């Protein structure tokens, strides 16, 4: 029995996932601002430019969860990356808002295929009794991308052109495609699909909801939808919020907000991953929701750069811990032969929350203002304690002690 997390293939898969998400975050931090400045549209339509990418990813994940067992993990990853690359080039041709929205959806579709493949591969490569810890480490690839992508995107947007950003994104996608060619999947037939999936019952000619959704992953995924809905307010509007205040220290702090966020996720992730495997998810998820709530409140009331960066730290601890823990829960409660569907189900709800959020919140922010928006989102996150308890928390059990493993 394998007891190792950091295998070569897990590292390569994690690096590939980092590059996929880096392109995603590179654009998502500045696309709303680009739409407003270039096409002179409203905050709501600008939010739609953000959200359509994620909804494209949702569409891909719903389909990918079913077809991955036929075409295989690696093939889906490569095909998805080709689509991801080709659609990133289409941005150069988007000369109006309608064209931009179409490209955003198609680009998101490629993203959804890639991210579903890497997430499933990573989960399959991890030893089951260390899966919480392993997914926590794997999630750092998303965390680092969430820190470096917006920082680089905002910096380049201020000092160069949108076309330079597009060239960077295309180059990163090419690099990811090259890296992904080195992924080898031990125990996977011809590097295609895992034996556990190959031995699963064949798909029925007539598709059912069971072929697309893993029902055991639904409870935690539903809670995650609302958490991501709230988190999308940070991704889509945090930079706009800082600029709207006219407070120079907030504008300066906004450029490093995600770096601070990532630093505190990095500091917490090795500890939280081990705690998950040893004591179970409740020890982490309840406090993480509370910390995320406090972080949003601080952001809403921030009048200085220091307070804004304190909110980034709390959000890093809170949201970062919840996200990786919930991902591990979705996989933990699902049968091994349906890990691919559990991953697809979980991230479909992630994408749904993050996709509809910017558009809906864009309408809210026009009626209330940015500060009020973050206070409302803090209330929403705090309320998630209730559905989490009833949908999953009260059923969660403390893990049994792991049987010692002798490496051979």
Protein backbone atom coordinates (compact mmCIF):
# COMPACT_ATOMS: atom_id res chain seq x y z
CA UNK A 1 0.00 0.00 0.00
CA UNK A 2 1.41 3.38 -0.99
CA UNK A 3 1.86 5.86 1.87
CA UNK A 4 3.54 8.64 -0.13
CA UNK A 5 1.89 11.90 -1.08
CA UNK A 6 4.71 13.62 -2.96
CA UNK A 7 5.13 11.28 -5.91
CA UNK A 8 6.47 12.63 -9.19
CA UNK A 9 3.08 12.34 -10.84
CA UNK A 10 1.30 14.14 -8.00
CA UNK A 11 3.83 16.98 -8.22
CA UNK A 12 3.48 17.26 -12.01
CA UNK A 13 -0.32 17.24 -11.73
CA UNK A 14 -0.21 19.93 -9.04
CA UNK A 15 2.09 22.11 -11.17
CA UNK A 16 -0.23 21.70 -14.17
CA UNK A 17 -3.21 22.69 -12.02
CA UNK A 18 -1.32 25.74 -10.75
CA UNK A 19 -0.76 26.93 -14.34
CA UNK A 20 -4.39 26.31 -15.28
CA UNK A 21 -5.64 28.39 -12.35
CA UNK A 22 -2.96 31.03 -12.83
CA UNK A 23 -4.43 31.87 -16.24
CA UNK A 24 -7.91 31.89 -14.70
CA UNK A 25 -6.93 34.31 -11.93
CA UNK A 26 -4.73 36.36 -14.24
CA UNK A 27 -7.82 37.46 -16.16
CA UNK A 28 -10.57 37.32 -13.56
CA UNK A 29 -9.05 40.12 -11.49
CA UNK A 30 -9.06 42.62 -14.36
CA UNK A 31 -11.72 41.46 -16.84
CA UNK A 32 -14.54 43.40 -15.13
CA UNK A 33 -12.44 46.55 -15.09
CA UNK A 34 -11.47 45.96 -18.74
CA UNK A 35 -15.13 45.61 -19.75
CA UNK A 36 -16.06 48.85 -17.96
CA UNK A 37 -13.13 50.86 -19.32
CA UNK A 38 -13.15 49.60 -22.92
CA UNK A 39 -16.84 48.88 -23.56
CA UNK A 40 -18.27 51.43 -21.07
CA UNK A 41 -20.67 48.91 -19.58
CA UNK A 42 -22.30 48.66 -16.14
CA UNK A 43 -20.94 46.85 -13.06
CA UNK A 44 -23.57 44.15 -13.55
CA UNK A 45 -22.52 43.46 -17.15
CA UNK A 46 -18.90 43.58 -16.08
CA UNK A 47 -19.76 40.98 -13.45
CA UNK A 48 -21.34 38.90 -16.20
CA UNK A 49 -18.01 38.96 -18.06
CA UNK A 50 -16.48 37.47 -14.92
CA UNK A 51 -19.25 34.99 -14.24
CA UNK A 52 -19.69 33.59 -17.76
CA UNK A 53 -16.18 32.14 -17.63
CA UNK A 54 -17.08 30.21 -14.50
CA UNK A 55 -20.45 29.14 -15.91
CA UNK A 56 -18.59 27.80 -18.94
CA UNK A 57 -16.47 25.81 -16.52
CA UNK A 58 -19.64 24.54 -14.85
CA UNK A 59 -21.01 23.33 -18.19
CA UNK A 60 -17.77 21.48 -18.86
CA UNK A 61 -17.63 19.89 -15.41
CA UNK A 62 -21.19 18.53 -15.64
CA UNK A 63 -20.30 16.78 -18.88
CA UNK A 64 -16.72 15.86 -17.94
CA UNK A 65 -17.75 13.95 -14.84
CA UNK A 66 -19.60 11.50 -17.09
CA UNK A 67 -17.30 11.18 -20.10
CA UNK A 68 -13.99 11.04 -18.21
CA UNK A 69 -14.43 7.32 -17.53
CA UNK A 70 -14.64 6.69 -21.28
CA UNK A 71 -11.97 8.97 -22.70
CA UNK A 72 -9.64 8.85 -19.70
CA UNK A 73 -8.15 11.42 -17.38
CA UNK A 74 -5.02 12.34 -19.30
CA UNK A 75 -6.72 12.56 -22.68
CA UNK A 76 -9.37 14.87 -21.22
CA UNK A 77 -6.64 17.02 -19.69
CA UNK A 78 -4.82 17.38 -23.01
CA UNK A 79 -7.98 18.06 -25.03
CA UNK A 80 -9.13 20.57 -22.44
CA UNK A 81 -5.80 22.38 -22.57
CA UNK A 82 -5.96 22.64 -26.36
CA UNK A 83 -9.42 24.23 -26.07
CA UNK A 84 -8.12 26.45 -23.25
CA UNK A 85 -5.29 27.65 -25.49
CA UNK A 86 -7.34 28.23 -28.64
CA UNK A 87 -10.03 30.18 -26.80
CA UNK A 88 -7.42 32.34 -25.05
CA UNK A 89 -6.35 33.48 -28.52
CA UNK A 90 -9.93 34.47 -29.36
CA UNK A 91 -9.72 37.38 -26.91
CA UNK A 92 -7.64 39.24 -29.50
CA UNK A 93 -10.70 39.22 -31.79
CA UNK A 94 -13.27 40.30 -29.17
CA UNK A 95 -14.03 43.85 -30.36
CA UNK A 96 -17.32 44.34 -28.46
CA UNK A 97 -18.98 43.25 -25.23
CA UNK A 98 -21.06 40.49 -26.84
CA UNK A 99 -17.98 38.91 -28.40
CA UNK A 100 -16.12 39.16 -25.10
CA UNK A 101 -18.94 37.37 -23.27
CA UNK A 102 -18.94 34.52 -25.82
CA UNK A 103 -15.18 34.11 -25.56
CA UNK A 104 -15.37 34.15 -21.77
CA UNK A 105 -17.86 31.28 -21.79
CA UNK A 106 -15.81 29.20 -24.24
CA UNK A 107 -12.58 29.89 -22.37
CA UNK A 108 -14.29 28.78 -19.16
CA UNK A 109 -15.41 25.57 -20.85
CA UNK A 110 -11.81 24.65 -21.59
CA UNK A 111 -10.89 25.54 -18.03
CA UNK A 112 -13.60 23.25 -16.64
CA UNK A 113 -12.33 20.27 -18.61
CA UNK A 114 -8.73 20.82 -17.48
CA UNK A 115 -9.50 21.45 -13.82
CA UNK A 116 -11.82 18.43 -13.55
CA UNK A 117 -9.12 16.19 -15.00
CA UNK A 118 -6.31 17.43 -12.73
CA UNK A 119 -8.53 17.31 -9.63
CA UNK A 120 -9.54 13.71 -10.33
CA UNK A 121 -6.00 12.61 -11.15
CA UNK A 122 -4.67 14.13 -7.92
CA UNK A 123 -7.37 12.45 -5.81
CA UNK A 124 -6.73 9.06 -7.42
CA UNK A 125 -2.97 9.31 -6.84
CA UNK A 126 -3.31 9.96 -3.08
CA UNK A 127 -3.37 7.19 -0.44
CA UNK A 128 -6.93 7.14 1.00
CA UNK A 129 -5.88 7.55 4.65
CA UNK A 130 -3.85 10.69 3.77
CA UNK A 131 -6.28 12.15 1.27
CA UNK A 132 -7.27 15.12 3.45
CA UNK A 133 -3.63 16.12 3.85
CA UNK A 134 -2.85 15.50 0.19
CA UNK A 135 -5.79 17.53 -1.11
CA UNK A 136 -4.79 20.33 1.25
CA UNK A 137 -1.36 20.40 -0.38
CA UNK A 138 -2.87 20.08 -3.87
CA UNK A 139 -5.15 23.00 -3.04
CA UNK A 140 -2.09 25.16 -2.51
CA UNK A 141 -1.69 25.22 -6.28
CA UNK A 142 -5.02 27.08 -6.46
CA UNK A 143 -4.08 29.28 -3.52
CA UNK A 144 -0.77 30.35 -5.07
CA UNK A 145 -2.50 31.00 -8.38
CA UNK A 146 -5.14 33.05 -6.57
CA UNK A 147 -2.34 35.16 -5.07
CA UNK A 148 0.02 35.57 -8.02
CA UNK A 149 -2.61 35.78 -10.78
CA UNK A 150 -4.54 38.85 -9.59
CA UNK A 151 -1.33 40.55 -8.46
CA UNK A 152 0.32 40.06 -11.87
CA UNK A 153 -2.90 40.86 -13.75
CA UNK A 154 -3.49 44.14 -11.92
CA UNK A 155 0.19 45.12 -12.21
CA UNK A 156 0.35 44.46 -15.96
CA UNK A 157 -3.00 46.17 -16.47
CA UNK A 158 -1.55 49.29 -14.84
CA UNK A 159 1.81 49.21 -16.64
CA UNK A 160 1.12 47.64 -20.04
CA UNK A 161 -1.81 46.65 -22.25
CA UNK A 162 -4.55 44.03 -22.23
CA UNK A 163 -2.87 42.37 -25.22
CA UNK A 164 0.29 41.80 -23.19
CA UNK A 165 -1.81 40.08 -20.53
CA UNK A 166 -3.39 37.87 -23.21
CA UNK A 167 0.04 36.89 -24.54
CA UNK A 168 1.13 35.95 -21.02
CA UNK A 169 -1.99 33.80 -20.57
CA UNK A 170 -1.45 32.02 -23.89
CA UNK A 171 2.20 31.35 -23.05
CA UNK A 172 1.28 29.93 -19.64
CA UNK A 173 -1.28 27.62 -21.27
CA UNK A 174 1.34 26.33 -23.72
CA UNK A 175 3.69 25.68 -20.80
CA UNK A 176 0.92 23.81 -18.99
CA UNK A 177 0.27 21.69 -22.07
CA UNK A 178 3.95 20.71 -22.16
CA UNK A 179 4.03 19.91 -18.43
CA UNK A 180 0.88 17.78 -18.70
CA UNK A 181 2.49 15.51 -21.26
CA UNK A 182 4.74 14.20 -18.48
CA UNK A 183 1.85 13.05 -16.28
CA UNK A 184 1.95 9.27 -15.93
CA UNK A 185 -0.70 7.46 -13.99
CA UNK A 186 0.44 4.24 -12.28
CA UNK A 187 -2.33 1.66 -12.31
CA UNK A 188 -4.12 3.47 -15.13
CA UNK A 189 -4.54 1.49 -18.28
CA UNK A 190 -2.46 3.13 -21.01
CA UNK A 191 -2.54 6.35 -19.01
CA UNK A 192 -6.18 6.65 -19.83
CA UNK A 193 -8.58 5.83 -17.02
CA UNK A 194 -8.04 4.24 -13.59
CA UNK A 195 -8.78 0.58 -13.08
CA UNK A 196 -11.41 1.50 -10.50
CA UNK A 197 -13.29 3.42 -13.16
CA UNK A 198 -12.60 0.92 -15.95
CA UNK A 199 -14.11 -1.80 -13.75
CA UNK A 200 -17.14 0.32 -12.91
CA UNK A 201 -20.48 -0.61 -14.51
CA UNK A 202 -20.71 0.46 -18.13
CA UNK A 203 -22.68 3.57 -18.88
CA UNK A 204 -26.25 2.97 -19.87
CA UNK A 205 -27.21 4.17 -23.35
CA UNK A 206 -29.76 6.48 -21.75
CA UNK A 207 -28.08 8.93 -19.42
CA UNK A 208 -29.48 9.60 -15.96
CA UNK A 209 -28.66 12.21 -13.34
CA UNK A 210 -26.68 9.48 -11.52
CA UNK A 211 -24.21 9.50 -14.42
CA UNK A 212 -23.43 13.19 -13.93
CA UNK A 213 -23.78 13.79 -10.18
CA UNK A 214 -22.42 11.95 -7.14
CA UNK A 215 -25.29 12.25 -4.67
CA UNK A 216 -23.10 11.66 -1.61
CA UNK A 217 -21.09 14.78 -2.50
CA UNK A 218 -24.19 16.96 -2.81
CA UNK A 219 -24.63 18.06 0.85
CA UNK A 220 -21.17 19.59 1.24
CA UNK A 221 -21.34 20.93 -2.34
CA UNK A 222 -24.56 22.83 -1.59
CA UNK A 223 -22.94 24.59 1.38
CA UNK A 224 -19.89 25.34 -0.77
CA UNK A 225 -22.09 27.01 -3.39
CA UNK A 226 -23.08 29.74 -0.91
CA UNK A 227 -19.53 30.14 0.37
CA UNK A 228 -18.27 30.63 -3.20
CA UNK A 229 -21.11 33.02 -3.95
CA UNK A 230 -19.81 35.20 -1.12
CA UNK A 231 -16.15 34.74 -2.10
CA UNK A 232 -16.90 35.88 -5.66
CA UNK A 233 -17.55 39.35 -4.26
CA UNK A 234 -13.85 39.54 -3.39
CA UNK A 235 -12.59 38.23 -6.71
CA UNK A 236 -14.82 40.39 -8.87
CA UNK A 237 -15.07 43.68 -6.97
CA UNK A 238 -12.32 44.03 -4.37
CA UNK A 239 -10.10 46.17 -6.65
CA UNK A 240 -13.06 48.32 -7.71
CA UNK A 241 -14.05 48.71 -4.05
CA UNK A 242 -10.59 49.97 -3.07
CA UNK A 243 -10.53 52.49 -5.92
CA UNK A 244 -14.06 53.70 -5.19
CA UNK A 245 -13.10 54.72 -1.65
CA UNK A 246 -10.46 57.16 -2.84
CA UNK A 247 -8.28 56.08 0.12
CA UNK A 248 -4.74 55.67 -1.17
CA UNK A 249 -3.73 53.10 1.46
CA UNK A 250 -6.65 50.86 0.45
CA UNK A 251 -5.70 51.11 -3.23
CA UNK A 252 -2.12 50.15 -2.38
CA UNK A 253 -3.21 47.30 -0.11
CA UNK A 254 -5.57 45.91 -2.76
CA UNK A 255 -2.60 45.18 -5.04
CA UNK A 256 -1.11 42.79 -2.46
CA UNK A 257 -4.38 41.57 -0.90
CA UNK A 258 -4.18 38.15 -2.53
CA UNK A 259 -0.50 37.76 -1.69
CA UNK A 260 -1.30 38.17 2.02
CA UNK A 261 -4.28 35.86 1.59
CA UNK A 262 -2.04 33.20 0.04
CA UNK A 263 0.66 33.58 2.69
CA UNK A 264 -1.77 32.74 5.49
CA UNK A 265 -3.22 29.82 3.54
CA UNK A 266 0.33 28.52 3.07
CA UNK A 267 1.01 28.84 6.78
CA UNK A 268 -2.18 27.03 7.77
CA UNK A 269 -2.52 24.33 5.09
CA UNK A 270 0.05 21.76 6.32
CA UNK A 271 -1.51 21.88 9.80
CA UNK A 272 -5.15 21.84 8.70
CA UNK A 273 -4.61 18.92 6.33
CA UNK A 274 -3.22 16.73 9.12
CA UNK A 275 -5.95 17.84 11.52
CA UNK A 276 -8.58 16.84 8.95
CA UNK A 277 -7.21 13.29 8.66
CA UNK A 278 -6.74 12.91 12.42
CA UNK A 279 -9.81 14.60 13.92
CA UNK A 280 -12.28 15.01 11.06
CA UNK A 281 -13.79 17.90 9.18
CA UNK A 282 -15.96 19.49 11.89
CA UNK A 283 -12.91 20.65 13.84
CA UNK A 284 -11.93 22.74 10.81
CA UNK A 285 -15.10 23.72 8.99
CA UNK A 286 -17.04 25.37 11.84
CA UNK A 287 -14.22 27.78 12.82
CA UNK A 288 -13.27 28.38 9.18
CA UNK A 289 -16.79 29.69 8.44
CA UNK A 290 -16.58 32.03 11.44
CA UNK A 291 -13.13 33.32 10.42
CA UNK A 292 -14.33 33.94 6.87
CA UNK A 293 -17.28 35.90 8.27
CA UNK A 294 -15.03 38.12 10.39
CA UNK A 295 -12.70 38.66 7.43
CA UNK A 296 -15.56 39.90 5.26
CA UNK A 297 -16.75 42.24 8.01
CA UNK A 298 -13.27 43.71 8.37
CA UNK A 299 -13.08 44.21 4.60
CA UNK A 300 -16.43 45.99 4.57
CA UNK A 301 -15.41 48.40 7.31
CA UNK A 302 -11.78 48.82 6.24
CA UNK A 303 -10.62 52.44 6.30
CA UNK A 304 -6.89 51.72 6.10
CA UNK A 305 -4.58 49.38 4.24
CA UNK A 306 -3.62 47.62 7.47
CA UNK A 307 -7.23 46.63 8.22
CA UNK A 308 -7.71 45.44 4.64
CA UNK A 309 -4.65 43.19 4.92
CA UNK A 310 -5.87 41.87 8.27
CA UNK A 311 -9.07 40.87 6.48
CA UNK A 312 -6.96 39.12 3.83
CA UNK A 313 -5.24 37.09 6.56
CA UNK A 314 -8.54 36.02 8.15
CA UNK A 315 -10.06 35.17 4.78
CA UNK A 316 -6.95 33.12 4.00
CA UNK A 317 -7.39 31.11 7.20
CA UNK A 318 -11.17 30.90 6.89
CA UNK A 319 -12.08 30.50 3.25
CA UNK A 320 -8.84 28.69 2.40
CA UNK A 321 -9.38 26.07 5.11
CA UNK A 322 -13.06 25.61 4.23
CA UNK A 323 -12.37 25.14 0.52
CA UNK A 324 -9.79 22.36 0.87
CA UNK A 325 -11.68 20.67 3.72
CA UNK A 326 -14.96 20.65 1.80
CA UNK A 327 -13.20 19.24 -1.26
CA UNK A 328 -11.76 16.44 0.88
CA UNK A 329 -15.22 15.76 2.37
CA UNK A 330 -16.78 15.38 -1.09
CA UNK A 331 -14.21 12.74 -1.97
CA UNK A 332 -14.21 11.10 1.47
CA UNK A 333 -17.95 10.36 1.45
CA UNK A 334 -18.02 8.99 -2.12
CA UNK A 335 -17.20 5.47 -3.33
CA UNK A 336 -13.71 5.08 -4.78
CA UNK A 337 -15.04 4.20 -8.22
CA UNK A 338 -16.93 7.51 -8.33
CA UNK A 339 -14.20 9.91 -7.22
CA UNK A 340 -14.26 11.46 -10.69
CA UNK A 341 -17.96 12.27 -10.27
CA UNK A 342 -17.47 13.50 -6.70
CA UNK A 343 -14.78 15.90 -7.92
CA UNK A 344 -16.95 17.01 -10.81
CA UNK A 345 -19.99 17.49 -8.54
CA UNK A 346 -18.09 19.51 -5.96
CA UNK A 347 -16.43 21.83 -8.44
CA UNK A 348 -19.67 22.21 -10.41
CA UNK A 349 -21.21 23.80 -7.33
CA UNK A 350 -18.03 25.81 -6.80
CA UNK A 351 -18.35 27.14 -10.34
CA UNK A 352 -22.08 27.77 -9.99
CA UNK A 353 -21.61 29.89 -6.88
CA UNK A 354 -18.62 31.77 -8.28
CA UNK A 355 -20.32 32.13 -11.67
CA UNK A 356 -23.67 33.61 -10.70
CA UNK A 357 -22.12 35.65 -7.90
CA UNK A 358 -20.49 38.48 -9.90
CA UNK A 359 -23.64 39.14 -11.96
CA UNK A 360 -26.08 39.06 -9.02
CA UNK A 361 -23.72 40.95 -6.73
CA UNK A 362 -23.14 43.52 -9.45
CA UNK A 363 -26.84 44.35 -9.24
CA UNK A 364 -26.71 44.47 -5.43
CA UNK A 365 -23.66 46.72 -5.35
CA UNK A 366 -25.36 49.28 -7.58
CA UNK A 367 -28.20 49.46 -5.07
CA UNK A 368 -26.18 49.36 -1.85
CA UNK A 369 -22.49 50.09 -2.35
CA UNK A 370 -19.36 48.00 -1.87
CA UNK A 371 -19.08 48.26 1.91
CA UNK A 372 -22.66 47.18 2.43
CA UNK A 373 -22.11 44.31 -0.02
CA UNK A 374 -19.33 42.81 2.10
CA UNK A 375 -21.38 43.13 5.27
CA UNK A 376 -24.26 41.30 3.57
CA UNK A 377 -21.88 38.58 2.38
CA UNK A 378 -20.54 38.20 5.93
CA UNK A 379 -24.10 37.51 7.10
CA UNK A 380 -24.58 34.96 4.32
CA UNK A 381 -21.40 33.09 5.23
CA UNK A 382 -22.28 33.00 8.93
CA UNK A 383 -25.70 31.55 8.06
CA UNK A 384 -23.91 28.67 6.29
CA UNK A 385 -23.21 27.18 9.74
CA UNK A 386 -26.83 26.04 9.85
CA UNK A 387 -27.06 24.12 6.54
CA UNK A 388 -23.61 22.65 7.12
CA UNK A 389 -24.72 21.21 10.46
CA UNK A 390 -27.95 19.73 9.12
CA UNK A 391 -26.60 18.52 5.77
CA UNK A 392 -23.30 17.06 6.91
CA UNK A 393 -21.83 18.21 10.23
CA UNK A 394 -24.08 16.21 12.55
CA UNK A 395 -23.34 13.02 10.58
CA UNK A 396 -19.56 13.48 10.43
CA UNK A 397 -17.56 11.00 12.48
CA UNK A 398 -14.05 11.27 13.83
CA UNK A 399 -11.71 9.16 11.67
CA UNK A 400 -10.51 5.84 13.01
CA UNK A 401 -6.76 5.63 13.72
CA UNK A 402 -4.86 4.80 10.54
CA UNK A 403 -3.24 1.36 10.34
CA UNK A 404 0.55 1.73 10.24
CA UNK A 405 1.85 1.30 6.71
CA UNK A 406 5.18 -0.34 5.94
CA UNK A 407 6.71 0.97 2.74
CA UNK A 408 8.25 -1.64 0.48
